[in-house]
Amino acid sequence: MAQVLAIAGAFTALPERPRRSVLIAFVGAEEQGLLGSAYYAEHPSFAPGRIAANINYDSGNIWGRTSDLSMLGYGKSTLDQVVIEVAAAQGRTVKPDQLPDRGYFYRSDQFNFARIGVPAMYLKTGSEFIGRPPGWGVEQILFHEEHYYHQPGDEIRDDWDFAGMVEDARLGFEVGLRVANAGEMPVWYPGDEFEAARRQELEEVSKAEEDPSGKYASWREEVRAAESAFAAMARAQGVKEAFLAFAAEDAVLNRNNRLIQGRQAIKEYFENQTLKDVVLEWSPEFIDVAAEGDIAYTYGNYQFSARDADGKLLEDKGIFHTVWKRQADGSWKFVWD
């Protein structure tokens, strides 16, 4: 927190404002599942396609200056080059995640920004401490994790050396300033897992600029609300009831390469099911609406569980695809799932 407060103070002290706005966010409940950043990602202050980058700090260096630093997210976006240049000016090198098997990129708050397409990274303490023998830094970090991290003894100590934390904060400030003043926003490298989400968000910004009346955004929210109500009803009242409530008369279900056509056939399909304790949950990751506002497409992740006649637990997860059609009364019903 001290690092980010110092960076915020440095931005406010600039004689000229950066070209882009800079938002300082302190998000909570990271240890409970990244809940604070997840909430912000669902309710961002700006459209995600207008957010240039996310720079995350999760912890600070308390052991002194280093000749290196670790960047979680290295190799994923053009933020790499900005960090490399600023680090070089400090006489430091940049390394990727030194413990990739722990999946740290997906376990800290930058992940929720990446999920909505924002190029994101986590600047982490280096391990090569100036004036210390090789391996000393790793020993200190591992010892701290074993004996102090998330334990009662994790208190401020007189032997802490904040010089490295200061240098890391200066690096983060300079990286943020360069991104804020750059002519182009950072981008994910081609083929990165978050590139598609970024492309969608940029397209939505473009459509919003072409649609100053906001119709497209309004239509998307209508479809999002319909999809959310559909999922909520499945959880509360059951899968059959939800599908019958949200199916158009001419709806088609594609199940195991079998097409079930028409609402009546869908009803019979569910009535003939012998599974018990069926739980089906999903949420849309992508929503698009046709220019006329009458057809929409959604896809996202689903999770399914049930028990068969013998009580055996069945589980499945995957990607769903749904086509929606606006009805005569203005409501949305699915025509393909």
Protein backbone atom coordinates (compact mmCIF):
# COMPACT_ATOMS: atom_id res chain seq x y z
CA MET A 1 0.00 0.00 0.00
CA ALA A 2 2.86 2.38 0.82
CA GLN A 3 4.33 1.89 -2.66
CA VAL A 4 1.07 2.72 -4.39
CA LEU A 5 0.44 5.74 -2.17
CA ALA A 6 3.92 7.02 -3.03
CA ILE A 7 3.24 6.51 -6.73
CA ALA A 8 -0.08 8.36 -6.39
CA GLY A 9 1.73 11.24 -4.70
CA ALA A 10 4.28 11.36 -7.50
CA PHE A 11 1.55 11.62 -10.13
CA THR A 12 -0.23 14.42 -8.29
CA ALA A 13 3.07 16.31 -7.98
CA LEU A 14 3.72 16.35 -11.74
CA PRO A 15 3.83 19.88 -13.18
CA GLU A 16 1.76 18.70 -16.18
CA ARG A 17 -1.01 16.13 -16.20
CA PRO A 18 -0.38 12.98 -18.28
CA ARG A 19 -2.28 12.55 -21.55
CA ARG A 20 -4.34 9.78 -20.00
CA SER A 21 -6.07 9.67 -16.64
CA VAL A 22 -4.41 7.59 -13.93
CA LEU A 23 -6.63 5.66 -11.53
CA ILE A 24 -5.20 4.47 -8.22
CA ALA A 25 -7.22 1.56 -6.81
CA PHE A 26 -6.86 -0.28 -3.51
CA VAL A 27 -8.90 -3.46 -3.91
CA GLY A 28 -9.79 -5.74 -1.02
CA ALA A 29 -10.38 -9.43 -0.35
CA GLU A 30 -7.57 -10.61 -2.61
CA GLU A 31 -6.95 -13.60 -0.36
CA GLN A 32 -10.64 -14.56 -0.48
CA GLY A 33 -10.63 -14.99 -4.25
CA LEU A 34 -9.60 -11.62 -5.77
CA LEU A 35 -13.05 -10.33 -4.85
CA GLY A 36 -12.25 -6.61 -4.87
CA SER A 37 -10.64 -6.59 -8.30
CA ALA A 38 -13.34 -8.94 -9.60
CA TYR A 39 -15.98 -6.44 -8.53
CA TYR A 40 -14.12 -3.58 -10.19
CA ALA A 41 -13.73 -5.62 -13.38
CA GLU A 42 -17.50 -6.13 -13.42
CA HIS A 43 -18.17 -2.44 -12.63
CA PRO A 44 -15.24 -0.50 -14.13
CA SER A 45 -14.99 3.28 -13.91
CA PHE A 46 -14.22 3.36 -17.64
CA ALA A 47 -14.98 1.00 -20.50
CA PRO A 48 -12.28 -1.72 -20.41
CA GLY A 49 -11.35 -0.85 -23.98
CA ARG A 50 -10.36 2.62 -22.77
CA ILE A 51 -8.08 1.34 -19.99
CA ALA A 52 -4.53 1.32 -21.35
CA ALA A 53 -2.92 -0.97 -18.78
CA ASN A 54 -2.99 -2.30 -15.24
CA ILE A 55 0.12 -2.26 -13.03
CA ASN A 56 -0.30 -4.34 -9.91
CA TYR A 57 1.67 -4.38 -6.67
CA ASP A 58 0.94 -7.24 -4.29
CA SER A 59 3.91 -7.05 -1.93
CA GLY A 60 7.06 -5.04 -1.31
CA ASN A 61 10.81 -5.61 -1.13
CA ILE A 62 12.01 -5.42 2.49
CA TRP A 63 15.55 -6.73 1.98
CA GLY A 64 17.34 -4.00 -0.01
CA ARG A 65 18.19 -3.05 -3.58
CA THR A 66 18.34 -5.61 -6.35
CA SER A 67 19.98 -5.73 -9.75
CA ASP A 68 16.87 -7.38 -11.15
CA LEU A 69 13.10 -7.51 -10.79
CA SER A 70 10.44 -10.07 -11.63
CA MET A 71 7.53 -9.22 -13.92
CA LEU A 72 4.52 -11.52 -13.79
CA GLY A 73 2.98 -11.20 -17.23
CA TYR A 74 6.35 -10.99 -18.96
CA GLY A 75 6.09 -12.26 -22.52
CA LYS A 76 2.37 -11.54 -22.80
CA SER A 77 2.12 -7.90 -23.94
CA THR A 78 4.06 -4.89 -25.17
CA LEU A 79 4.30 -3.74 -21.57
CA ASP A 80 7.47 -5.86 -21.61
CA GLN A 81 9.43 -3.27 -23.54
CA VAL A 82 8.35 -0.37 -21.34
CA VAL A 83 9.43 -2.21 -18.19
CA ILE A 84 12.72 -3.33 -19.78
CA GLU A 85 13.59 0.24 -20.80
CA VAL A 86 12.80 1.74 -17.40
CA ALA A 87 14.63 -1.06 -15.58
CA ALA A 88 17.67 -0.58 -17.82
CA ALA A 89 17.75 3.11 -16.89
CA GLN A 90 18.02 1.93 -13.27
CA GLY A 91 20.77 -0.52 -14.20
CA ARG A 92 18.49 -3.51 -13.65
CA THR A 93 17.33 -6.50 -15.65
CA VAL A 94 13.82 -7.91 -15.98
CA LYS A 95 13.02 -11.56 -15.41
CA PRO A 96 9.79 -13.50 -15.97
CA ASP A 97 8.00 -15.22 -13.11
CA GLN A 98 10.65 -17.24 -11.26
CA LEU A 99 8.07 -19.72 -9.94
CA PRO A 100 5.81 -20.29 -12.97
CA ASP A 101 4.52 -23.59 -11.59
CA ARG A 102 2.68 -21.67 -8.86
CA GLY A 103 0.51 -19.80 -11.36
CA TYR A 104 0.98 -16.45 -9.64
CA PHE A 105 -0.24 -14.47 -12.66
CA TYR A 106 -3.68 -16.02 -12.17
CA ARG A 107 -3.65 -15.61 -8.38
CA SER A 108 -3.29 -11.87 -7.98
CA ASP A 109 -5.47 -8.91 -8.89
CA GLN A 110 -3.98 -8.16 -12.32
CA PHE A 111 -5.68 -11.36 -13.51
CA ASN A 112 -9.15 -9.83 -13.28
CA PHE A 113 -8.03 -6.89 -15.43
CA ALA A 114 -6.52 -9.29 -17.96
CA ARG A 115 -9.82 -11.20 -18.06
CA ILE A 116 -11.56 -8.08 -19.37
CA GLY A 117 -8.81 -7.56 -21.92
CA VAL A 118 -6.64 -4.94 -20.20
CA PRO A 119 -2.89 -5.55 -20.68
CA ALA A 120 -1.78 -6.23 -17.11
CA MET A 121 1.26 -7.16 -15.06
CA TYR A 122 2.48 -7.62 -11.51
CA LEU A 123 5.83 -6.06 -10.58
CA LYS A 124 7.49 -8.32 -8.05
CA THR A 125 10.64 -8.21 -5.93
CA GLY A 126 13.87 -9.28 -7.63
CA SER A 127 16.14 -11.95 -6.17
CA GLU A 128 19.67 -10.73 -6.94
CA PHE A 129 20.41 -8.43 -4.01
CA ILE A 130 23.25 -5.98 -4.39
CA GLY A 131 26.12 -6.75 -2.02
CA ARG A 132 24.73 -10.17 -1.17
CA PRO A 133 25.96 -13.61 -2.30
CA PRO A 134 24.09 -15.57 -4.99
CA GLY A 135 21.02 -17.31 -3.64
CA TRP A 136 20.72 -15.05 -0.59
CA GLY A 137 17.62 -13.33 -1.90
CA VAL A 138 15.75 -16.54 -2.64
CA GLU A 139 16.62 -17.80 0.84
CA GLN A 140 15.23 -14.63 2.44
CA ILE A 141 12.02 -14.73 0.43
CA LEU A 142 11.37 -18.41 1.13
CA PHE A 143 12.20 -17.99 4.83
CA HIS A 144 9.78 -15.06 5.05
CA GLU A 145 7.03 -17.08 3.37
CA GLU A 146 7.55 -20.02 5.72
CA HIS A 147 7.88 -18.14 9.02
CA TYR A 148 6.09 -14.78 8.63
CA TYR A 149 3.74 -14.64 5.63
CA HIS A 150 0.11 -14.74 6.87
CA GLN A 151 1.30 -15.47 10.38
CA PRO A 152 1.16 -13.52 13.69
CA GLY A 153 4.86 -12.68 13.45
CA ASP A 154 4.39 -10.70 10.23
CA GLU A 155 5.09 -7.28 11.78
CA ILE A 156 7.33 -4.35 10.89
CA ARG A 157 10.93 -4.99 11.93
CA ASP A 158 13.85 -2.64 12.49
CA ASP A 159 16.15 -4.61 10.18
CA TRP A 160 14.00 -4.12 7.10
CA ASP A 161 15.73 -2.29 4.24
CA PHE A 162 13.27 -0.24 2.17
CA ALA A 163 15.77 0.94 -0.47
CA GLY A 164 14.64 -1.76 -2.90
CA MET A 165 10.99 -0.94 -2.35
CA VAL A 166 11.68 2.70 -3.15
CA GLU A 167 13.43 1.72 -6.38
CA ASP A 168 10.56 -0.61 -7.32
CA ALA A 169 8.04 2.19 -6.70
CA ARG A 170 10.03 4.58 -8.88
CA LEU A 171 10.07 1.99 -11.63
CA GLY A 172 6.30 1.50 -11.42
CA PHE A 173 5.71 5.24 -11.50
CA GLU A 174 7.91 5.72 -14.55
CA VAL A 175 6.30 2.79 -16.38
CA GLY A 176 2.86 4.18 -15.60
CA LEU A 177 3.86 7.65 -16.74
CA ARG A 178 5.22 6.38 -20.05
CA VAL A 179 2.06 4.36 -20.70
CA ALA A 180 -0.10 7.36 -19.77
CA ASN A 181 1.74 9.62 -22.21
CA ALA A 182 2.23 7.14 -25.07
CA GLY A 183 0.48 7.66 -28.38
CA GLU A 184 -0.65 4.03 -28.55
CA MET A 185 -1.96 1.79 -25.81
CA PRO A 186 -0.13 -1.46 -24.96
CA VAL A 187 -1.40 -4.59 -26.70
CA TRP A 188 -1.34 -8.30 -25.98
CA TYR A 189 1.03 -10.25 -28.18
CA PRO A 190 -0.70 -12.12 -31.04
CA GLY A 191 -2.17 -15.38 -29.88
CA ASP A 192 -2.19 -14.50 -26.19
CA GLU A 193 -5.10 -15.95 -24.23
CA PHE A 194 -6.42 -12.46 -23.40
CA GLU A 195 -6.09 -10.98 -26.90
CA ALA A 196 -9.66 -11.90 -27.90
CA ALA A 197 -11.13 -10.18 -24.85
CA ARG A 198 -9.14 -7.03 -25.66
CA ARG A 199 -10.27 -7.09 -29.27
CA GLN A 200 -13.89 -7.31 -28.16
CA GLU A 201 -13.55 -4.41 -25.72
CA LEU A 202 -11.84 -2.23 -28.33
CA GLU A 203 -14.60 -3.04 -30.81
CA GLU A 204 -17.20 -2.03 -28.25
CA VAL A 205 -15.47 1.30 -27.73
CA SER A 206 -15.43 1.79 -31.49
CA LYS A 207 -19.12 0.91 -31.77
CA ALA A 208 -19.96 3.26 -28.91
CA GLU A 209 -18.19 6.08 -30.72
CA GLU A 210 -20.13 5.26 -33.88
CA ASP A 211 -23.36 5.01 -31.87
CA PRO A 212 -23.52 8.16 -29.73
CA SER A 213 -27.15 7.45 -28.88
CA GLY A 214 -25.96 4.39 -26.94
CA LYS A 215 -28.39 1.92 -28.56
CA TYR A 216 -25.79 -0.81 -29.00
CA ALA A 217 -24.68 -0.61 -25.37
CA SER A 218 -28.30 -0.64 -24.25
CA TRP A 219 -29.08 -3.71 -26.35
CA ARG A 220 -26.05 -5.54 -24.96
CA GLU A 221 -27.20 -4.81 -21.43
CA GLU A 222 -30.66 -6.16 -22.28
CA VAL A 223 -29.12 -9.41 -23.50
CA ARG A 224 -26.77 -9.58 -20.52
CA ALA A 225 -29.77 -9.15 -18.20
CA ALA A 226 -31.69 -11.88 -20.04
CA GLU A 227 -28.73 -14.28 -19.87
CA SER A 228 -28.22 -13.51 -16.17
CA ALA A 229 -31.92 -14.02 -15.41
CA PHE A 230 -31.82 -17.29 -17.38
CA ALA A 231 -28.87 -18.56 -15.30
CA ALA A 232 -30.40 -17.34 -12.04
CA MET A 233 -33.68 -19.14 -12.77
CA ALA A 234 -31.79 -22.36 -13.54
CA ARG A 235 -30.12 -22.16 -10.15
CA ALA A 236 -33.26 -21.25 -8.22
CA GLN A 237 -36.04 -23.19 -9.96
CA GLY A 238 -34.31 -25.86 -11.99
CA VAL A 239 -32.83 -26.31 -15.44
CA LYS A 240 -36.02 -27.50 -17.16
CA GLU A 241 -38.08 -24.57 -15.89
CA ALA A 242 -35.43 -22.07 -16.95
CA PHE A 243 -35.01 -23.46 -20.46
CA LEU A 244 -38.75 -23.55 -21.06
CA ALA A 245 -39.14 -20.00 -19.77
CA PHE A 246 -36.42 -18.56 -22.01
CA ALA A 247 -36.88 -20.70 -25.14
CA ALA A 248 -38.55 -19.16 -28.18
CA GLU A 249 -41.27 -21.28 -29.81
CA ASP A 250 -38.89 -22.20 -32.64
CA ALA A 251 -35.82 -22.66 -30.41
CA VAL A 252 -33.27 -25.38 -31.17
CA LEU A 253 -31.11 -27.23 -28.65
CA ASN A 254 -27.94 -28.95 -29.83
CA ARG A 255 -27.24 -31.78 -27.40
CA ASN A 256 -24.64 -34.46 -28.18
CA ASN A 257 -24.91 -33.72 -31.91
CA ARG A 258 -28.67 -34.13 -31.73
CA LEU A 259 -30.94 -31.25 -32.71
CA ILE A 260 -34.03 -30.78 -30.55
CA GLN A 261 -36.33 -28.44 -32.46
CA GLY A 262 -39.20 -26.46 -31.02
CA ARG A 263 -40.25 -25.58 -27.50
CA GLN A 264 -42.52 -28.63 -27.18
CA ALA A 265 -39.69 -30.98 -28.14
CA ILE A 266 -37.42 -29.23 -25.64
CA LYS A 267 -40.03 -29.78 -22.93
CA GLU A 268 -40.23 -33.49 -23.76
CA TYR A 269 -36.43 -33.73 -23.79
CA PHE A 270 -36.17 -32.45 -20.23
CA GLU A 271 -39.15 -34.49 -19.00
CA ASN A 272 -37.45 -37.67 -20.24
CA GLN A 273 -34.25 -36.95 -18.33
CA THR A 274 -33.47 -39.41 -15.51
CA LEU A 275 -30.69 -37.39 -13.92
CA LYS A 276 -31.10 -36.09 -10.38
CA ASP A 277 -29.62 -33.16 -8.45
CA VAL A 278 -28.89 -31.33 -11.69
CA VAL A 279 -26.86 -28.15 -11.29
CA LEU A 280 -26.03 -26.03 -14.34
CA GLU A 281 -24.24 -22.71 -13.94
CA TRP A 282 -22.91 -20.34 -16.57
CA SER A 283 -22.03 -16.73 -17.26
CA PRO A 284 -21.51 -14.86 -20.55
CA GLU A 285 -17.97 -13.82 -21.45
CA PHE A 286 -18.90 -12.29 -24.80
CA ILE A 287 -22.04 -10.53 -26.03
CA ASP A 288 -22.66 -9.06 -29.46
CA VAL A 289 -25.83 -7.66 -30.99
CA ALA A 290 -26.70 -7.24 -34.67
CA ALA A 291 -26.91 -3.72 -36.04
CA GLU A 292 -30.71 -3.96 -36.19
CA GLY A 293 -30.90 -4.89 -32.51
CA ASP A 294 -32.99 -8.02 -33.12
CA ILE A 295 -30.43 -10.85 -32.93
CA ALA A 296 -27.71 -11.38 -30.34
CA TYR A 297 -24.96 -13.90 -29.69
CA THR A 298 -23.39 -14.90 -26.38
CA TYR A 299 -20.77 -17.37 -25.29
CA GLY A 300 -18.99 -18.18 -22.07
CA ASN A 301 -18.15 -20.93 -19.60
CA TYR A 302 -20.56 -23.43 -18.07
CA GLN A 303 -20.28 -26.01 -15.29
CA PHE A 304 -22.60 -29.00 -14.96
CA SER A 305 -23.09 -31.65 -12.30
CA ALA A 306 -25.77 -34.30 -11.69
CA ARG A 307 -26.28 -37.83 -10.43
CA ASP A 308 -27.46 -40.72 -12.57
CA ALA A 309 -29.99 -43.39 -11.57
CA ASP A 310 -27.26 -45.27 -9.67
CA GLY A 311 -26.24 -42.18 -7.72
CA LYS A 312 -22.99 -41.74 -9.63
CA LEU A 313 -21.77 -38.15 -9.80
CA LEU A 314 -21.46 -36.75 -13.33
CA GLU A 315 -19.55 -33.54 -13.98
CA ASP A 316 -18.78 -31.52 -17.07
CA LYS A 317 -17.59 -28.06 -18.03
CA GLY A 318 -17.00 -26.24 -21.27
CA ILE A 319 -18.04 -23.38 -23.55
CA PHE A 320 -21.64 -22.53 -24.36
CA HIS A 321 -22.91 -20.69 -27.43
CA THR A 322 -26.36 -19.10 -27.48
CA VAL A 323 -28.24 -17.13 -30.12
CA TRP A 324 -30.96 -14.79 -28.89
CA LYS A 325 -33.85 -13.17 -30.75
CA ARG A 326 -35.89 -10.19 -29.71
CA GLN A 327 -39.57 -11.11 -29.42
CA ALA A 328 -42.59 -9.05 -30.45
CA ASP A 329 -43.05 -7.86 -26.86
CA GLY A 330 -39.43 -6.64 -26.72
CA SER A 331 -38.14 -9.48 -24.55
CA TRP A 332 -35.25 -11.74 -25.52
CA LYS A 333 -35.62 -15.51 -25.99
CA PHE A 334 -32.98 -17.96 -27.14
CA VAL A 335 -33.38 -19.61 -30.55
CA TRP A 336 -30.21 -21.72 -30.44
CA ASP A 337 -28.25 -23.19 -27.55
